[in-house]
Each structure stands twice: as structure tokens, then as C-alpha cells.
Amino acid sequence: MTDAPTDAQQACFEAGIKFGSLYHQFAGTPVSPDSTRSLETAIAESIENQPYCESVTVDVLDDRVADAIDHENGYTELTGALMEVEMRIEYEGVVARTRMEMEDGYPLMKLQSVEQ
């Protein structure tokens, strides 16, 4: 007999689902220094539509976007290196707080805390 997942495990699972959809849905989106704020809002509002997602904060880093533009068309493609993300997931009274940030040149999605 297998045990059902705990509420804390389910909250962490939900956080992983949200990060997977956020990253893989928006990676490759054209972004320029003029469009970072609207893209942040679009990403956050899109992910917040999902069940158990209480808040999403997306910071597309203007200086990194500007540095990544390598042609005269004025934009680059969104990657994890160009943004920082925090999410708060709530499932049955359990709050999972997560963060995506660069570590050793790779965008890592981390579980910051689980609160009951």
C-alpha cells in the first residue's frame, strides 16, 4: 500500500509544475528594454491563473537584456539568465515559497521554504 502525498509534498509538486510551465512557456519570447515591464506582467498574470498559485513576482533584468542584444533589431530572446522569479504556492494551508535565480551560469528553481 502506498501513502497519499502529504499537503506539503503536494504544495511542492504544485510549485514545480508552475515553474516548469513558466520557464518553458516563455523562454524564447522576444524581449527588449522597452518591453520588459509588460512581459513581467504577462508572465506573472499567466502563471497566477493556475490553481494554488497565490503570487508570482517576475523581474526581467533590464541591464542583462540590453547586454544580450547582439543584432540591430533591438531585441533578444528571454532566457533564465535574464530574469529572477519568486512564487508563493498555497495548498490546503501549506505555503511553498520558491525562487529562480542564476547559479553557476544556470537558472535554478529552488524551494525556499515550506510553512504549515
C-alpha atoms as a PDB file:
ATOM      1  CA  MET A   1       0.000   0.000   0.000  1.00  0.00           C
ATOM      2  CA  THR A   2       1.322   3.438  -0.886  1.00  0.00           C
ATOM      3  CA  ASP A   3       0.746   6.555   1.151  1.00  0.00           C
ATOM      4  CA  ALA A   4      -1.023   9.552  -0.318  1.00  0.00           C
ATOM      5  CA  PRO A   5       1.193  12.599  -0.668  1.00  0.00           C
ATOM      6  CA  THR A   6       1.153  14.988   2.259  1.00  0.00           C
ATOM      7  CA  ASP A   7      -0.176  18.513   1.815  1.00  0.00           C
ATOM      8  CA  ALA A   8       3.414  19.795   1.999  1.00  0.00           C
ATOM      9  CA  GLN A   9       4.523  17.390  -0.732  1.00  0.00           C
ATOM     10  CA  GLN A  10       1.569  18.398  -2.899  1.00  0.00           C
ATOM     11  CA  ALA A  11       2.360  22.108  -2.387  1.00  0.00           C
ATOM     12  CA  CYS A  12       5.952  21.476  -3.513  1.00  0.00           C
ATOM     13  CA  PHE A  13       4.731  19.496  -6.519  1.00  0.00           C
ATOM     14  CA  GLU A  14       2.403  22.357  -7.479  1.00  0.00           C
ATOM     15  CA  ALA A  15       5.335  24.792  -7.252  1.00  0.00           C
ATOM     16  CA  GLY A  16       7.355  22.610  -9.623  1.00  0.00           C
ATOM     17  CA  ILE A  17       4.515  22.488 -12.130  1.00  0.00           C
ATOM     18  CA  LYS A  18       4.207  26.272 -12.095  1.00  0.00           C
ATOM     19  CA  PHE A  19       7.942  26.785 -12.616  1.00  0.00           C
ATOM     20  CA  GLY A  20       8.044  24.279 -15.457  1.00  0.00           C
ATOM     21  CA  SER A  21       5.201  25.952 -17.288  1.00  0.00           C
ATOM     22  CA  LEU A  22       6.577  29.445 -16.627  1.00  0.00           C
ATOM     23  CA  TYR A  23      10.045  28.697 -17.906  1.00  0.00           C
ATOM     24  CA  HIS A  24       9.171  26.555 -20.889  1.00  0.00           C
ATOM     25  CA  GLN A  25       6.215  28.658 -21.968  1.00  0.00           C
ATOM     26  CA  PHE A  26       8.123  31.959 -22.017  1.00  0.00           C
ATOM     27  CA  ALA A  27      11.741  31.012 -22.820  1.00  0.00           C
ATOM     28  CA  GLY A  28      12.467  32.305 -26.296  1.00  0.00           C
ATOM     29  CA  THR A  29       9.976  35.180 -26.123  1.00  0.00           C
ATOM     30  CA  PRO A  30      11.358  38.266 -27.866  1.00  0.00           C
ATOM     31  CA  VAL A  31      12.231  40.934 -25.278  1.00  0.00           C
ATOM     32  CA  SER A  32      13.728  44.406 -25.482  1.00  0.00           C
ATOM     33  CA  PRO A  33      14.484  47.015 -22.826  1.00  0.00           C
ATOM     34  CA  ASP A  34      11.189  48.698 -23.796  1.00  0.00           C
ATOM     35  CA  SER A  35       9.094  45.559 -23.264  1.00  0.00           C
ATOM     36  CA  THR A  36      10.462  44.146 -20.002  1.00  0.00           C
ATOM     37  CA  ARG A  37       7.717  45.550 -17.731  1.00  0.00           C
ATOM     38  CA  SER A  38       4.860  44.329 -19.908  1.00  0.00           C
ATOM     39  CA  LEU A  39       6.492  40.902 -20.248  1.00  0.00           C
ATOM     40  CA  GLU A  40       6.922  40.654 -16.460  1.00  0.00           C
ATOM     41  CA  THR A  41       3.213  41.387 -16.022  1.00  0.00           C
ATOM     42  CA  ALA A  42       2.157  38.929 -18.730  1.00  0.00           C
ATOM     43  CA  ILE A  43       4.247  36.115 -17.248  1.00  0.00           C
ATOM     44  CA  ALA A  44       3.093  36.726 -13.677  1.00  0.00           C
ATOM     45  CA  GLU A  45      -0.587  37.038 -14.568  1.00  0.00           C
ATOM     46  CA  SER A  46      -0.453  33.948 -16.756  1.00  0.00           C
ATOM     47  CA  ILE A  47       1.053  31.737 -14.055  1.00  0.00           C
ATOM     48  CA  GLU A  48      -1.183  33.199 -11.321  1.00  0.00           C
ATOM     49  CA  ASN A  49      -4.176  31.783 -13.232  1.00  0.00           C
ATOM     50  CA  GLN A  50      -3.115  28.268 -12.260  1.00  0.00           C
ATOM     51  CA  PRO A  51      -4.605  26.528  -9.217  1.00  0.00           C
ATOM     52  CA  TYR A  52      -2.950  27.137  -5.827  1.00  0.00           C
ATOM     53  CA  CYS A  53      -0.707  29.923  -7.174  1.00  0.00           C
ATOM     54  CA  GLU A  54      -1.114  32.854  -4.797  1.00  0.00           C
ATOM     55  CA  SER A  55       1.536  35.195  -6.186  1.00  0.00           C
ATOM     56  CA  VAL A  56       4.271  35.422  -8.784  1.00  0.00           C
ATOM     57  CA  THR A  57       6.935  38.111  -8.993  1.00  0.00           C
ATOM     58  CA  VAL A  58       8.926  38.301 -12.220  1.00  0.00           C
ATOM     59  CA  ASP A  59      11.890  40.642 -12.622  1.00  0.00           C
ATOM     60  CA  VAL A  60      13.253  40.820 -16.157  1.00  0.00           C
ATOM     61  CA  LEU A  61      16.638  42.437 -15.626  1.00  0.00           C
ATOM     62  CA  ASP A  62      16.983  45.416 -17.960  1.00  0.00           C
ATOM     63  CA  ASP A  63      20.773  45.551 -17.901  1.00  0.00           C
ATOM     64  CA  ARG A  64      21.068  41.863 -18.801  1.00  0.00           C
ATOM     65  CA  VAL A  65      18.511  42.242 -21.594  1.00  0.00           C
ATOM     66  CA  ALA A  66      20.423  45.193 -23.059  1.00  0.00           C
ATOM     67  CA  ASP A  67      23.721  43.294 -22.818  1.00  0.00           C
ATOM     68  CA  ALA A  68      22.218  40.239 -24.555  1.00  0.00           C
ATOM     69  CA  ILE A  69      21.100  42.137 -27.672  1.00  0.00           C
ATOM     70  CA  ASP A  70      23.601  41.196 -30.358  1.00  0.00           C
ATOM     71  CA  HIS A  71      21.979  42.492 -33.564  1.00  0.00           C
ATOM     72  CA  GLU A  72      20.499  45.725 -34.867  1.00  0.00           C
ATOM     73  CA  ASN A  73      16.858  44.655 -34.441  1.00  0.00           C
ATOM     74  CA  GLY A  74      16.824  45.777 -30.803  1.00  0.00           C
ATOM     75  CA  TYR A  75      15.680  42.628 -29.005  1.00  0.00           C
ATOM     76  CA  THR A  76      16.889  39.305 -27.685  1.00  0.00           C
ATOM     77  CA  GLU A  77      15.225  36.060 -26.600  1.00  0.00           C
ATOM     78  CA  LEU A  78      14.154  35.625 -23.000  1.00  0.00           C
ATOM     79  CA  THR A  79      16.221  33.102 -21.049  1.00  0.00           C
ATOM     80  CA  GLY A  80      16.574  32.275 -17.381  1.00  0.00           C
ATOM     81  CA  ALA A  81      19.722  34.378 -17.242  1.00  0.00           C
ATOM     82  CA  LEU A  82      17.628  37.485 -17.931  1.00  0.00           C
ATOM     83  CA  MET A  83      15.097  37.125 -15.110  1.00  0.00           C
ATOM     84  CA  GLU A  84      14.527  36.354 -11.469  1.00  0.00           C
ATOM     85  CA  VAL A  85      11.248  34.835 -10.318  1.00  0.00           C
ATOM     86  CA  GLU A  86       9.596  34.227  -6.946  1.00  0.00           C
ATOM     87  CA  MET A  87       6.371  32.308  -6.388  1.00  0.00           C
ATOM     88  CA  ARG A  88       4.096  31.628  -3.459  1.00  0.00           C
ATOM     89  CA  ILE A  89       2.003  28.467  -3.716  1.00  0.00           C
ATOM     90  CA  GLU A  90      -0.689  27.655  -1.163  1.00  0.00           C
ATOM     91  CA  TYR A  91      -2.221  24.191  -0.894  1.00  0.00           C
ATOM     92  CA  GLU A  92      -4.525  23.196   1.964  1.00  0.00           C
ATOM     93  CA  GLY A  93      -2.930  25.684   4.354  1.00  0.00           C
ATOM     94  CA  VAL A  94       0.659  24.847   3.356  1.00  0.00           C
ATOM     95  CA  VAL A  95       2.666  27.670   1.780  1.00  0.00           C
ATOM     96  CA  ALA A  96       5.578  26.826  -0.503  1.00  0.00           C
ATOM     97  CA  ARG A  97       7.875  29.720  -1.399  1.00  0.00           C
ATOM     98  CA  THR A  98      10.129  29.297  -4.404  1.00  0.00           C
ATOM     99  CA  ARG A  99      12.739  31.289  -6.297  1.00  0.00           C
ATOM    100  CA  MET A 100      14.525  31.039  -9.631  1.00  0.00           C
ATOM    101  CA  GLU A 101      17.971  32.570  -9.873  1.00  0.00           C
ATOM    102  CA  MET A 102      21.230  32.000 -11.662  1.00  0.00           C
ATOM    103  CA  GLU A 103      23.728  29.646 -10.045  1.00  0.00           C
ATOM    104  CA  ASP A 104      26.973  28.744 -11.781  1.00  0.00           C
ATOM    105  CA  GLY A 105      25.610  30.020 -15.095  1.00  0.00           C
ATOM    106  CA  TYR A 106      22.369  28.029 -14.917  1.00  0.00           C
ATOM    107  CA  PRO A 107      18.850  29.158 -13.918  1.00  0.00           C
ATOM    108  CA  LEU A 108      17.958  27.053 -10.879  1.00  0.00           C
ATOM    109  CA  MET A 109      14.484  26.821  -9.428  1.00  0.00           C
ATOM    110  CA  LYS A 110      14.684  26.432  -5.668  1.00  0.00           C
ATOM    111  CA  LEU A 111      12.308  25.666  -2.877  1.00  0.00           C
ATOM    112  CA  GLN A 112      12.967  28.432  -0.324  1.00  0.00           C
ATOM    113  CA  SER A 113      10.590  27.318   2.427  1.00  0.00           C
ATOM    114  CA  VAL A 114       7.530  25.264   3.290  1.00  0.00           C
ATOM    115  CA  GLU A 115       5.276  26.657   6.022  1.00  0.00           C
ATOM    116  CA  GLN A 116       2.295  24.968   7.629  1.00  0.00           C
END
